[in-house]
Amino acid sequence: MAPERGNEGRAVAERGSVGLAVAGAVLIGALTALQARINGTLGAEIGDGFVAAAISFGSGLIILIALSALVPQGRRGFERLVSGIRSRTIPAWMLLGGLAGAFTVASQGLTVATIGVALFTVGFVAGQTTGGLVLDRVGFGPAGVVPVTVRRVIGALLAIAGVVVCLSGDAVNGVPLWMLIVPAIAGAGVAWQQGTNGRLRVRVESPLTATLVNFIGGTVVLLVAAFVHVGVVGAPRAVPTEPWLYVGGAVGVIYIFLSAVVVRRTGVLLLGLGSVVGLLTTSVLLDALWPAPAAPATPVALLAAAVAISGVAVAAVPWRRRSR
């Protein structure tokens, strides 16, 4: 009886740890939505989404440089990165994942203040789900070729249907078309970024170093874009003094590290599903509390979020038939 009780106790502990990890995955999605709101508000206050994105990415880069210098795993990973670049075992394209991250942060600063977090997020999820479907089919990720199944196609279509539900509201009338397209492109870009980062992590054996590479590339691109944009349209009209507007980079670093911890318990599929749930529900809540001019009504946003979440669930959760 004693061994059985011991096994039962371990099973309960494992279920509790997995449940806590799933809660962490939901928190990751919530922090992602919060970062979108912070960057969007900063872009609106400054009057320049490119400058806001450069500030967000740059602050995150400073934090990651400090962590990489202090953490032994970060130092070892950076040594492998330098060695791989010199020996050309790490191709140049693996260093470009930060371009997608830079585009995502820039798109937050350019669109969220107008269309709201919920509409941005639903479009982002649709682009990420569809892009992931295509990239899995061609075998771009570290897992190799993942076959296109009926449920994955249905899941992608449901995610796209969530965007259609959001667009059915009257609030989006008169919104520039590019503001509605950009979130989906950003989501597809992040799907490519995740596959690229997965391959780079295998080479350097450090998620911290892979993240650092992304932030370096993204910061360089955004600084160039910000300087060019300022040269064309002029300096930002204002410099906000509220401290919370400058923590977007720190929030990004937090949920990236939390992802590295949580994925060991949840796996990639459950992590993705939990983060999407947190992302969409927090987006709806943020728009309800601080509505943007073109944000959909709360009932419409809730319906769109439910449709998109169901799509991710269909695509990600492995449904199995019971054997007779």
C-alpha atoms as a PDB file:
ATOM      1  CA  MET A   1       0.000   0.000   0.000  1.00  0.00           C
ATOM      2  CA  ALA A   2       2.830   2.383   0.790  1.00  0.00           C
ATOM      3  CA  PRO A   3       4.335   2.300  -2.729  1.00  0.00           C
ATOM      4  CA  GLU A   4       0.867   2.862  -4.221  1.00  0.00           C
ATOM      5  CA  ARG A   5       0.335   5.906  -2.010  1.00  0.00           C
ATOM      6  CA  GLY A   6       3.772   7.165  -3.017  1.00  0.00           C
ATOM      7  CA  ASN A   7       2.909   6.784  -6.712  1.00  0.00           C
ATOM      8  CA  GLU A   8      -0.418   8.536  -6.190  1.00  0.00           C
ATOM      9  CA  GLY A   9       1.355  11.394  -4.429  1.00  0.00           C
ATOM     10  CA  ARG A  10       3.845  11.784  -7.256  1.00  0.00           C
ATOM     11  CA  ALA A  11       1.024  11.717  -9.819  1.00  0.00           C
ATOM     12  CA  VAL A  12      -0.846  14.463  -7.958  1.00  0.00           C
ATOM     13  CA  ALA A  13       2.364  16.511  -7.740  1.00  0.00           C
ATOM     14  CA  GLU A  14       2.996  16.082 -11.467  1.00  0.00           C
ATOM     15  CA  ARG A  15      -0.566  17.118 -12.329  1.00  0.00           C
ATOM     16  CA  GLY A  16      -0.167  20.149 -10.090  1.00  0.00           C
ATOM     17  CA  SER A  17       3.132  21.140 -11.713  1.00  0.00           C
ATOM     18  CA  VAL A  18       1.642  20.766 -15.199  1.00  0.00           C
ATOM     19  CA  GLY A  19      -1.371  22.820 -14.139  1.00  0.00           C
ATOM     20  CA  LEU A  20       0.953  25.516 -12.823  1.00  0.00           C
ATOM     21  CA  ALA A  21       2.904  25.406 -16.086  1.00  0.00           C
ATOM     22  CA  VAL A  22      -0.305  25.844 -18.108  1.00  0.00           C
ATOM     23  CA  ALA A  23      -1.149  28.851 -15.941  1.00  0.00           C
ATOM     24  CA  GLY A  24       2.322  30.149 -16.802  1.00  0.00           C
ATOM     25  CA  ALA A  25       1.562  29.684 -20.507  1.00  0.00           C
ATOM     26  CA  VAL A  26      -1.612  31.759 -20.129  1.00  0.00           C
ATOM     27  CA  LEU A  27       0.458  34.406 -18.328  1.00  0.00           C
ATOM     28  CA  ILE A  28       2.873  34.483 -21.273  1.00  0.00           C
ATOM     29  CA  GLY A  29      -0.001  35.345 -23.601  1.00  0.00           C
ATOM     30  CA  ALA A  30      -1.279  37.988 -21.199  1.00  0.00           C
ATOM     31  CA  LEU A  31       2.159  39.632 -21.060  1.00  0.00           C
ATOM     32  CA  THR A  32       2.331  39.596 -24.862  1.00  0.00           C
ATOM     33  CA  ALA A  33      -0.964  41.473 -25.063  1.00  0.00           C
ATOM     34  CA  LEU A  34       0.211  43.897 -22.404  1.00  0.00           C
ATOM     35  CA  GLN A  35       3.377  44.593 -24.384  1.00  0.00           C
ATOM     36  CA  ALA A  36       1.281  45.347 -27.470  1.00  0.00           C
ATOM     37  CA  ARG A  37      -0.775  47.882 -25.516  1.00  0.00           C
ATOM     38  CA  ILE A  38       2.354  49.519 -24.040  1.00  0.00           C
ATOM     39  CA  ASN A  39       4.109  49.790 -27.405  1.00  0.00           C
ATOM     40  CA  GLY A  40       0.957  50.994 -29.131  1.00  0.00           C
ATOM     41  CA  THR A  41       0.370  53.694 -26.540  1.00  0.00           C
ATOM     42  CA  LEU A  42       4.020  54.777 -26.654  1.00  0.00           C
ATOM     43  CA  GLY A  43       3.835  55.067 -30.437  1.00  0.00           C
ATOM     44  CA  ALA A  44       0.686  57.186 -30.190  1.00  0.00           C
ATOM     45  CA  GLU A  45       2.154  59.447 -27.502  1.00  0.00           C
ATOM     46  CA  ILE A  46       5.426  59.973 -29.370  1.00  0.00           C
ATOM     47  CA  GLY A  47       3.706  60.211 -32.718  1.00  0.00           C
ATOM     48  CA  ASP A  48       6.208  57.817 -34.300  1.00  0.00           C
ATOM     49  CA  GLY A  49       5.733  54.050 -34.205  1.00  0.00           C
ATOM     50  CA  PHE A  50       9.261  53.381 -35.456  1.00  0.00           C
ATOM     51  CA  VAL A  51      10.887  55.361 -32.643  1.00  0.00           C
ATOM     52  CA  ALA A  52       8.629  53.628 -30.110  1.00  0.00           C
ATOM     53  CA  ALA A  53       9.606  50.207 -31.471  1.00  0.00           C
ATOM     54  CA  ALA A  54      13.310  51.087 -31.334  1.00  0.00           C
ATOM     55  CA  ILE A  55      12.953  52.165 -27.697  1.00  0.00           C
ATOM     56  CA  SER A  56      11.152  48.937 -26.787  1.00  0.00           C
ATOM     57  CA  PHE A  57      13.598  46.635 -28.562  1.00  0.00           C
ATOM     58  CA  GLY A  58      16.632  48.601 -27.405  1.00  0.00           C
ATOM     59  CA  SER A  59      15.668  48.431 -23.735  1.00  0.00           C
ATOM     60  CA  GLY A  60      15.146  44.695 -24.033  1.00  0.00           C
ATOM     61  CA  LEU A  61      18.555  44.338 -25.664  1.00  0.00           C
ATOM     62  CA  ILE A  62      20.267  46.125 -22.768  1.00  0.00           C
ATOM     63  CA  ILE A  63      18.633  43.717 -20.306  1.00  0.00           C
ATOM     64  CA  LEU A  64      19.655  40.678 -22.360  1.00  0.00           C
ATOM     65  CA  ILE A  65      23.264  41.834 -22.697  1.00  0.00           C
ATOM     66  CA  ALA A  66      23.486  42.137 -18.909  1.00  0.00           C
ATOM     67  CA  LEU A  67      21.912  38.700 -18.392  1.00  0.00           C
ATOM     68  CA  SER A  68      24.145  37.067 -21.011  1.00  0.00           C
ATOM     69  CA  ALA A  69      27.219  38.454 -19.239  1.00  0.00           C
ATOM     70  CA  LEU A  70      26.051  37.317 -15.792  1.00  0.00           C
ATOM     71  CA  VAL A  71      24.594  33.871 -16.552  1.00  0.00           C
ATOM     72  CA  PRO A  72      27.138  31.088 -17.338  1.00  0.00           C
ATOM     73  CA  GLN A  73      24.820  29.494 -19.903  1.00  0.00           C
ATOM     74  CA  GLY A  74      24.623  32.823 -21.703  1.00  0.00           C
ATOM     75  CA  ARG A  75      28.398  33.159 -21.873  1.00  0.00           C
ATOM     76  CA  ARG A  76      28.834  29.604 -23.141  1.00  0.00           C
ATOM     77  CA  GLY A  77      26.099  30.075 -25.722  1.00  0.00           C
ATOM     78  CA  PHE A  78      27.686  33.282 -26.980  1.00  0.00           C
ATOM     79  CA  GLU A  79      31.048  31.500 -27.361  1.00  0.00           C
ATOM     80  CA  ARG A  80      29.356  28.779 -29.447  1.00  0.00           C
ATOM     81  CA  LEU A  81      27.658  31.471 -31.521  1.00  0.00           C
ATOM     82  CA  VAL A  82      30.939  33.238 -32.320  1.00  0.00           C
ATOM     83  CA  SER A  83      32.649  29.928 -33.069  1.00  0.00           C
ATOM     84  CA  GLY A  84      29.779  28.833 -35.332  1.00  0.00           C
ATOM     85  CA  ILE A  85      29.835  32.100 -37.280  1.00  0.00           C
ATOM     86  CA  ARG A  86      33.601  31.884 -37.776  1.00  0.00           C
ATOM     87  CA  SER A  87      33.482  28.249 -38.905  1.00  0.00           C
ATOM     88  CA  ARG A  88      30.343  28.933 -40.967  1.00  0.00           C
ATOM     89  CA  THR A  89      28.446  26.100 -39.290  1.00  0.00           C
ATOM     90  CA  ILE A  90      25.811  28.714 -38.391  1.00  0.00           C
ATOM     91  CA  PRO A  91      24.499  30.183 -41.668  1.00  0.00           C
ATOM     92  CA  ALA A  92      23.751  33.894 -41.926  1.00  0.00           C
ATOM     93  CA  TRP A  93      19.996  33.367 -42.374  1.00  0.00           C
ATOM     94  CA  MET A  94      19.760  31.907 -38.856  1.00  0.00           C
ATOM     95  CA  LEU A  95      20.754  35.328 -37.512  1.00  0.00           C
ATOM     96  CA  LEU A  96      17.812  37.105 -39.150  1.00  0.00           C
ATOM     97  CA  GLY A  97      14.994  36.018 -36.819  1.00  0.00           C
ATOM     98  CA  GLY A  98      15.047  39.427 -35.170  1.00  0.00           C
ATOM     99  CA  LEU A  99      13.696  40.994 -38.377  1.00  0.00           C
ATOM    100  CA  ALA A 100      10.291  39.406 -37.738  1.00  0.00           C
ATOM    101  CA  GLY A 101      10.359  40.529 -34.110  1.00  0.00           C
ATOM    102  CA  ALA A 102      11.265  44.058 -35.185  1.00  0.00           C
ATOM    103  CA  PHE A 103       8.380  44.108 -37.661  1.00  0.00           C
ATOM    104  CA  THR A 104       5.968  42.864 -34.985  1.00  0.00           C
ATOM    105  CA  VAL A 105       6.968  45.517 -32.446  1.00  0.00           C
ATOM    106  CA  ALA A 106       6.876  48.241 -35.112  1.00  0.00           C
ATOM    107  CA  SER A 107       3.405  47.115 -36.207  1.00  0.00           C
ATOM    108  CA  GLN A 108       2.213  47.333 -32.594  1.00  0.00           C
ATOM    109  CA  GLY A 109       3.398  50.925 -32.371  1.00  0.00           C
ATOM    110  CA  LEU A 110       1.776  51.818 -35.689  1.00  0.00           C
ATOM    111  CA  THR A 111      -1.642  50.150 -35.349  1.00  0.00           C
ATOM    112  CA  VAL A 112      -2.681  49.168 -31.805  1.00  0.00           C
ATOM    113  CA  ALA A 113      -3.580  52.700 -30.679  1.00  0.00           C
ATOM    114  CA  THR A 114      -6.111  52.830 -33.541  1.00  0.00           C
ATOM    115  CA  ILE A 115      -7.482  49.314 -34.035  1.00  0.00           C
ATOM    116  CA  GLY A 116      -7.088  48.088 -30.445  1.00  0.00           C
ATOM    117  CA  VAL A 117      -5.287  45.109 -28.955  1.00  0.00           C
ATOM    118  CA  ALA A 118      -8.052  42.581 -29.651  1.00  0.00           C
ATOM    119  CA  LEU A 119      -8.270  43.175 -33.400  1.00  0.00           C
ATOM    120  CA  PHE A 120      -4.480  43.231 -33.692  1.00  0.00           C
ATOM    121  CA  THR A 121      -4.231  39.995 -31.709  1.00  0.00           C
ATOM    122  CA  VAL A 122      -6.888  38.096 -33.656  1.00  0.00           C
ATOM    123  CA  GLY A 123      -5.225  39.084 -36.935  1.00  0.00           C
ATOM    124  CA  PHE A 124      -1.851  38.132 -35.484  1.00  0.00           C
ATOM    125  CA  VAL A 125      -3.098  34.698 -34.390  1.00  0.00           C
ATOM    126  CA  ALA A 126      -4.640  34.080 -37.828  1.00  0.00           C
ATOM    127  CA  GLY A 127      -1.358  34.935 -39.553  1.00  0.00           C
ATOM    128  CA  GLN A 128       0.681  32.877 -37.101  1.00  0.00           C
ATOM    129  CA  THR A 129      -1.568  29.818 -37.430  1.00  0.00           C
ATOM    130  CA  THR A 130      -1.648  29.964 -41.233  1.00  0.00           C
ATOM    131  CA  GLY A 131       2.079  30.682 -41.495  1.00  0.00           C
ATOM    132  CA  GLY A 132       2.876  27.845 -39.113  1.00  0.00           C
ATOM    133  CA  LEU A 133       0.760  25.488 -41.212  1.00  0.00           C
ATOM    134  CA  VAL A 134       2.727  26.329 -44.361  1.00  0.00           C
ATOM    135  CA  LEU A 135       6.152  26.270 -42.672  1.00  0.00           C
ATOM    136  CA  ASP A 136       5.423  22.924 -41.023  1.00  0.00           C
ATOM    137  CA  ARG A 137       4.424  21.495 -44.388  1.00  0.00           C
ATOM    138  CA  VAL A 138       7.716  22.516 -46.032  1.00  0.00           C
ATOM    139  CA  GLY A 139       9.718  21.319 -43.022  1.00  0.00           C
ATOM    140  CA  PHE A 140      11.247  24.662 -42.093  1.00  0.00           C
ATOM    141  CA  GLY A 141      11.186  24.126 -38.317  1.00  0.00           C
ATOM    142  CA  PRO A 142      13.571  21.954 -36.305  1.00  0.00           C
ATOM    143  CA  ALA A 143      10.936  19.184 -36.106  1.00  0.00           C
ATOM    144  CA  GLY A 144      11.103  18.650 -39.879  1.00  0.00           C
ATOM    145  CA  VAL A 145       8.098  18.124 -42.123  1.00  0.00           C
ATOM    146  CA  VAL A 146       4.763  18.097 -40.288  1.00  0.00           C
ATOM    147  CA  PRO A 147       1.933  16.767 -42.483  1.00  0.00           C
ATOM    148  CA  VAL A 148      -1.076  18.945 -43.261  1.00  0.00           C
ATOM    149  CA  THR A 149      -4.045  17.241 -41.602  1.00  0.00           C
ATOM    150  CA  VAL A 150      -7.714  18.070 -41.863  1.00  0.00           C
ATOM    151  CA  ARG A 151      -7.888  19.389 -38.292  1.00  0.00           C
ATOM    152  CA  ARG A 152      -4.902  21.684 -38.859  1.00  0.00           C
ATOM    153  CA  VAL A 153      -6.574  23.161 -41.941  1.00  0.00           C
ATOM    154  CA  ILE A 154      -9.855  23.563 -40.037  1.00  0.00           C
ATOM    155  CA  GLY A 155      -7.988  25.241 -37.181  1.00  0.00           C
ATOM    156  CA  ALA A 156      -6.352  27.730 -39.540  1.00  0.00           C
ATOM    157  CA  LEU A 157      -9.724  28.511 -41.169  1.00  0.00           C
ATOM    158  CA  LEU A 158     -11.304  29.098 -37.747  1.00  0.00           C
ATOM    159  CA  ALA A 159      -8.488  31.480 -36.816  1.00  0.00           C
ATOM    160  CA  ILE A 160      -9.125  33.416 -40.037  1.00  0.00           C
ATOM    161  CA  ALA A 161     -12.855  33.374 -39.267  1.00  0.00           C
ATOM    162  CA  GLY A 162     -12.065  35.182 -36.007  1.00  0.00           C
ATOM    163  CA  VAL A 163     -10.643  38.055 -38.056  1.00  0.00           C
ATOM    164  CA  VAL A 164     -13.782  38.139 -40.193  1.00  0.00           C
ATOM    165  CA  VAL A 165     -15.923  38.369 -37.046  1.00  0.00           C
ATOM    166  CA  CYS A 166     -13.861  41.331 -35.821  1.00  0.00           C
ATOM    167  CA  LEU A 167     -14.154  43.066 -39.176  1.00  0.00           C
ATOM    168  CA  SER A 168     -17.928  42.772 -39.072  1.00  0.00           C
ATOM    169  CA  GLY A 169     -18.153  45.603 -36.526  1.00  0.00           C
ATOM    170  CA  ASP A 170     -18.917  49.191 -37.520  1.00  0.00           C
ATOM    171  CA  ALA A 171     -15.874  50.549 -35.682  1.00  0.00           C
ATOM    172  CA  VAL A 172     -13.448  49.396 -38.390  1.00  0.00           C
ATOM    173  CA  ASN A 173     -15.175  51.403 -41.131  1.00  0.00           C
ATOM    174  CA  GLY A 174     -12.773  54.037 -42.388  1.00  0.00           C
ATOM    175  CA  VAL A 175      -9.706  52.300 -40.931  1.00  0.00           C
ATOM    176  CA  PRO A 176      -6.843  52.103 -43.464  1.00  0.00           C
ATOM    177  CA  LEU A 177      -6.637  48.662 -45.040  1.00  0.00           C
ATOM    178  CA  TRP A 178      -2.950  48.285 -44.206  1.00  0.00           C
ATOM    179  CA  MET A 179      -3.745  48.468 -40.474  1.00  0.00           C
ATOM    180  CA  LEU A 180      -5.890  45.360 -40.867  1.00  0.00           C
ATOM    181  CA  ILE A 181      -3.360  43.456 -42.983  1.00  0.00           C
ATOM    182  CA  VAL A 182      -0.189  44.232 -41.003  1.00  0.00           C
ATOM    183  CA  PRO A 183      -1.111  42.145 -37.886  1.00  0.00           C
ATOM    184  CA  ALA A 184      -1.596  39.022 -40.026  1.00  0.00           C
ATOM    185  CA  ILE A 185       1.757  39.589 -41.747  1.00  0.00           C
ATOM    186  CA  ALA A 186       3.381  40.054 -38.330  1.00  0.00           C
ATOM    187  CA  GLY A 187       1.879  36.760 -37.126  1.00  0.00           C
ATOM    188  CA  ALA A 188       3.162  34.890 -40.179  1.00  0.00           C
ATOM    189  CA  GLY A 189       6.566  36.476 -39.619  1.00  0.00           C
ATOM    190  CA  VAL A 190       6.649  35.295 -36.016  1.00  0.00           C
ATOM    191  CA  ALA A 191       5.855  31.752 -37.173  1.00  0.00           C
ATOM    192  CA  TRP A 192       8.953  31.962 -39.395  1.00  0.00           C
ATOM    193  CA  GLN A 193      10.910  33.496 -36.511  1.00  0.00           C
ATOM    194  CA  GLN A 194      10.019  30.610 -34.198  1.00  0.00           C
ATOM    195  CA  GLY A 195      11.268  28.070 -36.725  1.00  0.00           C
ATOM    196  CA  THR A 196      14.478  30.050 -37.240  1.00  0.00           C
ATOM    197  CA  ASN A 197      15.045  30.440 -33.497  1.00  0.00           C
ATOM    198  CA  GLY A 198      14.440  26.729 -32.978  1.00  0.00           C
ATOM    199  CA  ARG A 199      17.238  25.886 -35.381  1.00  0.00           C
ATOM    200  CA  LEU A 200      19.568  28.473 -33.886  1.00  0.00           C
ATOM    201  CA  ARG A 201      18.909  27.195 -30.341  1.00  0.00           C
ATOM    202  CA  VAL A 202      19.995  23.730 -31.440  1.00  0.00           C
ATOM    203  CA  ARG A 203      23.294  25.135 -32.737  1.00  0.00           C
ATOM    204  CA  VAL A 204      24.178  27.352 -29.755  1.00  0.00           C
ATOM    205  CA  GLU A 205      22.497  25.164 -27.085  1.00  0.00           C
ATOM    206  CA  SER A 206      21.176  28.265 -25.300  1.00  0.00           C
ATOM    207  CA  PRO A 207      17.754  29.920 -25.628  1.00  0.00           C
ATOM    208  CA  LEU A 208      19.247  33.011 -23.991  1.00  0.00           C
ATOM    209  CA  THR A 209      21.806  33.406 -26.781  1.00  0.00           C
ATOM    210  CA  ALA A 210      19.199  32.788 -29.489  1.00  0.00           C
ATOM    211  CA  THR A 211      17.034  35.494 -27.925  1.00  0.00           C
ATOM    212  CA  LEU A 212      19.998  37.858 -27.712  1.00  0.00           C
ATOM    213  CA  VAL A 213      20.696  37.381 -31.434  1.00  0.00           C
ATOM    214  CA  ASN A 214      17.080  38.257 -32.194  1.00  0.00           C
ATOM    215  CA  PHE A 215      17.195  41.416 -30.112  1.00  0.00           C
ATOM    216  CA  ILE A 216      20.507  42.528 -31.649  1.00  0.00           C
ATOM    217  CA  GLY A 217      19.213  42.165 -35.206  1.00  0.00           C
ATOM    218  CA  GLY A 218      15.842  43.711 -34.392  1.00  0.00           C
ATOM    219  CA  THR A 219      17.355  46.682 -32.591  1.00  0.00           C
ATOM    220  CA  VAL A 220      19.750  47.456 -35.447  1.00  0.00           C
ATOM    221  CA  VAL A 221      16.937  47.333 -38.019  1.00  0.00           C
ATOM    222  CA  LEU A 222      14.603  49.463 -35.905  1.00  0.00           C
ATOM    223  CA  LEU A 223      17.261  52.073 -35.130  1.00  0.00           C
ATOM    224  CA  VAL A 224      17.986  52.470 -38.849  1.00  0.00           C
ATOM    225  CA  ALA A 225      14.259  52.685 -39.627  1.00  0.00           C
ATOM    226  CA  ALA A 226      13.720  55.221 -36.815  1.00  0.00           C
ATOM    227  CA  PHE A 227      16.568  57.446 -38.006  1.00  0.00           C
ATOM    228  CA  VAL A 228      15.335  57.336 -41.605  1.00  0.00           C
ATOM    229  CA  HIS A 229      11.742  58.064 -40.552  1.00  0.00           C
ATOM    230  CA  VAL A 230      12.805  60.971 -38.330  1.00  0.00           C
ATOM    231  CA  GLY A 231      14.879  62.360 -41.192  1.00  0.00           C
ATOM    232  CA  VAL A 232      11.815  62.288 -43.452  1.00  0.00           C
ATOM    233  CA  VAL A 233       8.990  63.425 -41.147  1.00  0.00           C
ATOM    234  CA  GLY A 234      10.930  65.182 -38.374  1.00  0.00           C
ATOM    235  CA  ALA A 235      11.567  64.513 -34.700  1.00  0.00           C
ATOM    236  CA  PRO A 236       8.830  63.045 -32.461  1.00  0.00           C
ATOM    237  CA  ARG A 237       6.318  65.615 -31.307  1.00  0.00           C
ATOM    238  CA  ALA A 238       6.605  64.716 -27.619  1.00  0.00           C
ATOM    239  CA  VAL A 239       8.602  62.667 -25.125  1.00  0.00           C
ATOM    240  CA  PRO A 240       6.211  61.009 -22.643  1.00  0.00           C
ATOM    241  CA  THR A 241       7.246  61.046 -19.002  1.00  0.00           C
ATOM    242  CA  GLU A 242       5.116  58.125 -17.756  1.00  0.00           C
ATOM    243  CA  PRO A 243       7.586  55.357 -16.764  1.00  0.00           C
ATOM    244  CA  TRP A 244       5.250  52.489 -17.684  1.00  0.00           C
ATOM    245  CA  LEU A 245       5.444  53.426 -21.359  1.00  0.00           C
ATOM    246  CA  TYR A 246       9.094  52.355 -21.439  1.00  0.00           C
ATOM    247  CA  VAL A 247       8.811  48.847 -19.970  1.00  0.00           C
ATOM    248  CA  GLY A 248       7.690  47.082 -23.170  1.00  0.00           C
ATOM    249  CA  GLY A 249      11.165  45.658 -23.740  1.00  0.00           C
ATOM    250  CA  ALA A 250      11.389  44.355 -20.174  1.00  0.00           C
ATOM    251  CA  VAL A 251       7.966  42.708 -20.525  1.00  0.00           C
ATOM    252  CA  GLY A 252       9.179  40.985 -23.700  1.00  0.00           C
ATOM    253  CA  VAL A 253      12.279  39.637 -21.960  1.00  0.00           C
ATOM    254  CA  ILE A 254      10.151  38.311 -19.078  1.00  0.00           C
ATOM    255  CA  TYR A 255       7.760  36.298 -21.211  1.00  0.00           C
ATOM    256  CA  ILE A 256      10.566  34.966 -23.408  1.00  0.00           C
ATOM    257  CA  PHE A 257      12.372  33.549 -20.373  1.00  0.00           C
ATOM    258  CA  LEU A 258       9.103  32.302 -18.909  1.00  0.00           C
ATOM    259  CA  SER A 259       8.503  30.445 -22.179  1.00  0.00           C
ATOM    260  CA  ALA A 260      11.847  28.665 -21.858  1.00  0.00           C
ATOM    261  CA  VAL A 261      10.886  27.483 -18.356  1.00  0.00           C
ATOM    262  CA  VAL A 262       7.274  26.541 -19.035  1.00  0.00           C
ATOM    263  CA  VAL A 263       7.847  24.606 -22.273  1.00  0.00           C
ATOM    264  CA  ARG A 264       9.701  21.873 -20.363  1.00  0.00           C
ATOM    265  CA  ARG A 265       6.462  20.950 -18.598  1.00  0.00           C
ATOM    266  CA  THR A 266       3.816  21.757 -21.185  1.00  0.00           C
ATOM    267  CA  GLY A 267       5.482  20.950 -24.481  1.00  0.00           C
ATOM    268  CA  VAL A 268       5.273  23.237 -27.501  1.00  0.00           C
ATOM    269  CA  LEU A 269       1.639  22.545 -28.437  1.00  0.00           C
ATOM    270  CA  LEU A 270       0.170  23.133 -24.979  1.00  0.00           C
ATOM    271  CA  LEU A 271       2.365  26.203 -24.513  1.00  0.00           C
ATOM    272  CA  GLY A 272       1.041  27.666 -27.762  1.00  0.00           C
ATOM    273  CA  LEU A 273      -2.576  26.958 -26.864  1.00  0.00           C
ATOM    274  CA  GLY A 274      -2.255  28.417 -23.362  1.00  0.00           C
ATOM    275  CA  SER A 275      -0.472  31.542 -24.572  1.00  0.00           C
ATOM    276  CA  VAL A 276      -3.121  32.177 -27.241  1.00  0.00           C
ATOM    277  CA  VAL A 277      -5.862  31.895 -24.588  1.00  0.00           C
ATOM    278  CA  GLY A 278      -4.059  34.443 -22.408  1.00  0.00           C
ATOM    279  CA  LEU A 279      -3.275  36.649 -25.390  1.00  0.00           C
ATOM    280  CA  LEU A 280      -6.827  36.877 -26.690  1.00  0.00           C
ATOM    281  CA  THR A 281      -8.640  37.152 -23.357  1.00  0.00           C
ATOM    282  CA  THR A 282      -6.269  39.854 -22.085  1.00  0.00           C
ATOM    283  CA  SER A 283      -6.597  41.724 -25.374  1.00  0.00           C
ATOM    284  CA  VAL A 284     -10.377  41.831 -25.017  1.00  0.00           C
ATOM    285  CA  LEU A 285     -10.053  42.987 -21.395  1.00  0.00           C
ATOM    286  CA  LEU A 286      -7.580  45.749 -22.282  1.00  0.00           C
ATOM    287  CA  ASP A 287      -9.816  47.039 -25.075  1.00  0.00           C
ATOM    288  CA  ALA A 288     -12.821  46.988 -22.744  1.00  0.00           C
ATOM    289  CA  LEU A 289     -10.969  49.064 -20.131  1.00  0.00           C
ATOM    290  CA  TRP A 290      -9.072  51.361 -22.547  1.00  0.00           C
ATOM    291  CA  PRO A 291     -10.904  51.237 -25.897  1.00  0.00           C
ATOM    292  CA  ALA A 292      -9.140  52.346 -29.057  1.00  0.00           C
ATOM    293  CA  PRO A 293     -10.987  54.420 -31.710  1.00  0.00           C
ATOM    294  CA  ALA A 294     -11.463  51.489 -34.116  1.00  0.00           C
ATOM    295  CA  ALA A 295     -11.572  48.660 -31.570  1.00  0.00           C
ATOM    296  CA  PRO A 296     -14.507  46.259 -32.058  1.00  0.00           C
ATOM    297  CA  ALA A 297     -17.283  46.185 -29.462  1.00  0.00           C
ATOM    298  CA  THR A 298     -16.610  43.895 -26.508  1.00  0.00           C
ATOM    299  CA  PRO A 299     -19.233  41.243 -27.508  1.00  0.00           C
ATOM    300  CA  VAL A 300     -17.793  41.133 -31.033  1.00  0.00           C
ATOM    301  CA  ALA A 301     -14.245  40.868 -29.684  1.00  0.00           C
ATOM    302  CA  LEU A 302     -15.284  38.088 -27.288  1.00  0.00           C
ATOM    303  CA  LEU A 303     -16.912  36.127 -30.115  1.00  0.00           C
ATOM    304  CA  ALA A 304     -13.865  36.607 -32.353  1.00  0.00           C
ATOM    305  CA  ALA A 305     -11.544  35.498 -29.549  1.00  0.00           C
ATOM    306  CA  ALA A 306     -13.661  32.395 -28.897  1.00  0.00           C
ATOM    307  CA  VAL A 307     -13.602  31.457 -32.597  1.00  0.00           C
ATOM    308  CA  ALA A 308      -9.828  31.968 -32.826  1.00  0.00           C
ATOM    309  CA  ILE A 309      -9.184  29.993 -29.617  1.00  0.00           C
ATOM    310  CA  SER A 310     -11.294  27.118 -30.918  1.00  0.00           C
ATOM    311  CA  GLY A 311      -9.246  27.161 -34.110  1.00  0.00           C
ATOM    312  CA  VAL A 312      -5.980  26.912 -32.208  1.00  0.00           C
ATOM    313  CA  ALA A 313      -7.428  24.116 -30.062  1.00  0.00           C
ATOM    314  CA  VAL A 314      -8.476  22.142 -33.144  1.00  0.00           C
ATOM    315  CA  ALA A 315      -5.086  22.656 -34.785  1.00  0.00           C
ATOM    316  CA  ALA A 316      -2.893  22.050 -31.730  1.00  0.00           C
ATOM    317  CA  VAL A 317      -4.534  19.471 -29.465  1.00  0.00           C
ATOM    318  CA  PRO A 318      -4.029  15.897 -30.654  1.00  0.00           C
ATOM    319  CA  TRP A 319      -7.515  14.351 -30.582  1.00  0.00           C
ATOM    320  CA  ARG A 320      -7.392  10.563 -30.380  1.00  0.00           C
ATOM    321  CA  ARG A 321     -10.028   7.991 -31.068  1.00  0.00           C
ATOM    322  CA  ARG A 322     -10.808   5.518 -28.332  1.00  0.00           C
ATOM    323  CA  SER A 323      -9.850   1.954 -29.231  1.00  0.00           C
ATOM    324  CA  ARG A 324     -12.510  -0.677 -28.821  1.00  0.00           C
END
